[in-house]
C-alpha atoms as a PDB file:
ATOM      1  CA  MET A   1      24.651 -32.546  15.803  1.00  0.00           C
ATOM      2  CA  SER A   2      21.557 -31.102  17.360  1.00  0.00           C
ATOM      3  CA  PRO A   3      18.679 -33.080  18.628  1.00  0.00           C
ATOM      4  CA  ALA A   4      15.660 -33.980  16.184  1.00  0.00           C
ATOM      5  CA  ARG A   5      12.644 -31.662  16.638  1.00  0.00           C
ATOM      6  CA  HIS A   6       9.246 -33.068  16.210  1.00  0.00           C
ATOM      7  CA  TYR A   7       6.305 -30.867  14.969  1.00  0.00           C
ATOM      8  CA  ASP A   8       2.657 -31.729  14.666  1.00  0.00           C
ATOM      9  CA  VAL A   9       2.502 -29.149  11.660  1.00  0.00           C
ATOM     10  CA  ILE A  10       5.019 -27.440   9.495  1.00  0.00           C
ATOM     11  CA  VAL A  11       3.871 -24.520   7.092  1.00  0.00           C
ATOM     12  CA  ILE A  12       5.999 -24.526   4.146  1.00  0.00           C
ATOM     13  CA  ARG A  13       6.039 -21.535   1.858  1.00  0.00           C
ATOM     14  CA  THR A  14       3.994 -19.098   4.002  1.00  0.00           C
ATOM     15  CA  GLY A  15       2.182 -16.907   1.475  1.00  0.00           C
ATOM     16  CA  GLN A  16      -0.302 -14.416   2.701  1.00  0.00           C
ATOM     17  CA  GLY A  17      -2.463 -17.145   4.572  1.00  0.00           C
ATOM     18  CA  GLY A  18       0.657 -19.020   6.296  1.00  0.00           C
ATOM     19  CA  PRO A  19       1.517 -16.847   9.350  1.00  0.00           C
ATOM     20  CA  PRO A  20      -2.390 -16.711  10.244  1.00  0.00           C
ATOM     21  CA  LEU A  21      -2.778 -20.352   9.527  1.00  0.00           C
ATOM     22  CA  ALA A  22       0.290 -21.197  11.790  1.00  0.00           C
ATOM     23  CA  THR A  23      -1.134 -19.222  14.411  1.00  0.00           C
ATOM     24  CA  ALA A  24      -4.330 -20.543  14.522  1.00  0.00           C
ATOM     25  CA  LEU A  25      -2.860 -24.072  14.749  1.00  0.00           C
ATOM     26  CA  ALA A  26      -0.661 -23.127  17.508  1.00  0.00           C
ATOM     27  CA  GLN A  27      -3.408 -21.586  19.364  1.00  0.00           C
ATOM     28  CA  ALA A  28      -5.223 -24.976  18.939  1.00  0.00           C
ATOM     29  CA  GLY A  29      -2.404 -26.710  20.770  1.00  0.00           C
ATOM     30  CA  ARG A  30      -0.415 -27.998  17.643  1.00  0.00           C
ATOM     31  CA  LYS A  31       3.481 -27.615  18.011  1.00  0.00           C
ATOM     32  CA  THR A  32       3.795 -25.516  14.745  1.00  0.00           C
ATOM     33  CA  ALA A  33       6.817 -24.406  13.031  1.00  0.00           C
ATOM     34  CA  ILE A  34       6.985 -22.018   9.696  1.00  0.00           C
ATOM     35  CA  SER A  35       9.577 -22.828   7.103  1.00  0.00           C
ATOM     36  CA  GLU A  36      10.215 -19.845   4.598  1.00  0.00           C
ATOM     37  CA  ARG A  37      13.055 -19.088   2.344  1.00  0.00           C
ATOM     38  CA  GLU A  38      12.593 -15.391   1.681  1.00  0.00           C
ATOM     39  CA  HIS A  39       9.806 -13.284   2.797  1.00  0.00           C
ATOM     40  CA  VAL A  40       7.400 -14.420   5.682  1.00  0.00           C
ATOM     41  CA  GLY A  41       3.866 -13.357   4.232  1.00  0.00           C
ATOM     42  CA  GLY A  42       5.014 -14.145   0.431  1.00  0.00           C
ATOM     43  CA  ALA A  43       6.418 -11.960  -2.096  1.00  0.00           C
ATOM     44  CA  CYS A  44       2.711 -10.399  -2.902  1.00  0.00           C
ATOM     45  CA  ILE A  45       2.759  -8.387   0.301  1.00  0.00           C
ATOM     46  CA  ASN A  46       6.446  -7.747   0.541  1.00  0.00           C
ATOM     47  CA  GLU A  47       7.652  -6.680  -3.044  1.00  0.00           C
ATOM     48  CA  GLY A  48       4.690  -7.318  -5.187  1.00  0.00           C
ATOM     49  CA  CYS A  49       0.988  -6.477  -5.219  1.00  0.00           C
ATOM     50  CA  THR A  50       0.800  -4.360  -2.005  1.00  0.00           C
ATOM     51  CA  PRO A  51       3.807  -2.268  -2.680  1.00  0.00           C
ATOM     52  CA  THR A  52       2.830  -1.615  -6.271  1.00  0.00           C
ATOM     53  CA  LYS A  53      -0.630  -0.718  -5.150  1.00  0.00           C
ATOM     54  CA  THR A  54       0.886   1.909  -2.565  1.00  0.00           C
ATOM     55  CA  MET A  55       3.021   3.349  -5.334  1.00  0.00           C
ATOM     56  CA  VAL A  56       0.138   3.564  -7.575  1.00  0.00           C
ATOM     57  CA  ALA A  57      -2.156   5.250  -4.952  1.00  0.00           C
ATOM     58  CA  ARG A  58       0.805   7.682  -4.176  1.00  0.00           C
ATOM     59  CA  GLU A  59       0.961   8.585  -7.589  1.00  0.00           C
ATOM     60  CA  ASN A  60      -2.772   9.069  -8.083  1.00  0.00           C
ATOM     61  CA  ILE A  61      -2.861  11.361  -4.823  1.00  0.00           C
ATOM     62  CA  THR A  62       0.232  13.194  -6.383  1.00  0.00           C
ATOM     63  CA  GLN A  63      -1.811  13.780  -9.622  1.00  0.00           C
ATOM     64  CA  ILE A  64      -4.939  14.916  -7.839  1.00  0.00           C
ATOM     65  CA  PHE A  65      -2.968  17.809  -6.050  1.00  0.00           C
ATOM     66  CA  VAL A  66      -1.431  18.787  -9.396  1.00  0.00           C
ATOM     67  CA  TYR A  67      -4.932  19.190 -10.873  1.00  0.00           C
ATOM     68  CA  LEU A  68      -6.181  20.948  -7.799  1.00  0.00           C
ATOM     69  CA  ARG A  69      -3.409  23.428  -8.262  1.00  0.00           C
ATOM     70  CA  ILE A  70      -4.139  23.996 -11.817  1.00  0.00           C
ATOM     71  CA  ALA A  71      -7.764  24.402 -10.829  1.00  0.00           C
ATOM     72  CA  ALA A  72      -7.048  26.869  -8.413  1.00  0.00           C
ATOM     73  CA  VAL A  73      -5.167  28.884 -10.742  1.00  0.00           C
ATOM     74  CA  LEU A  74      -7.801  28.812 -13.217  1.00  0.00           C
ATOM     75  CA  PHE A  75     -10.379  29.786 -10.627  1.00  0.00           C
ATOM     76  CA  VAL A  76      -8.267  32.738  -9.792  1.00  0.00           C
ATOM     77  CA  LEU A  77      -8.009  33.832 -13.462  1.00  0.00           C
ATOM     78  CA  VAL A  78     -11.836  33.224 -14.093  1.00  0.00           C
ATOM     79  CA  SER A  79     -12.724  35.151 -11.136  1.00  0.00           C
ATOM     80  CA  PHE A  80     -10.413  38.151 -11.007  1.00  0.00           C
ATOM     81  CA  VAL A  81      -9.107  38.543 -14.529  1.00  0.00           C
ATOM     82  CA  PRO A  82     -12.409  39.809 -16.057  1.00  0.00           C
ATOM     83  CA  ALA A  83     -13.091  42.183 -13.224  1.00  0.00           C
ATOM     84  CA  TRP A  84      -9.450  43.662 -13.568  1.00  0.00           C
ATOM     85  CA  ILE A  85     -10.235  44.057 -17.297  1.00  0.00           C
ATOM     86  CA  ARG A  86     -13.678  45.791 -16.771  1.00  0.00           C
ATOM     87  CA  LYS A  87     -12.007  47.957 -14.265  1.00  0.00           C
ATOM     88  CA  ARG A  88      -9.183  48.827 -16.660  1.00  0.00           C
ATOM     89  CA  ASN A  89     -11.595  49.355 -19.617  1.00  0.00           C
ATOM     90  CA  GLN A  90     -13.680  51.828 -17.570  1.00  0.00           C
ATOM     91  CA  ARG A  91     -10.777  54.290 -17.192  1.00  0.00           C
END
């Protein structure tokens, strides 16, 4: 059996504030431990809010590039086709 360990502070279920809190307490001289079952930093930053926002932002950027391509094609059509039609009609 391992010897008992004694801590001044135990941070249970870290969430987004757990690691900075544990670091601040340790830097203040407290003997600190973190107890987390799954994700240090919480589910939001690892698989919830933050990754979802990243995926949404990536999709928004993709849509912007699609619209820019469409706009470029329309610009070419509006800029050059009327001149081409005028030139053809002058023959």
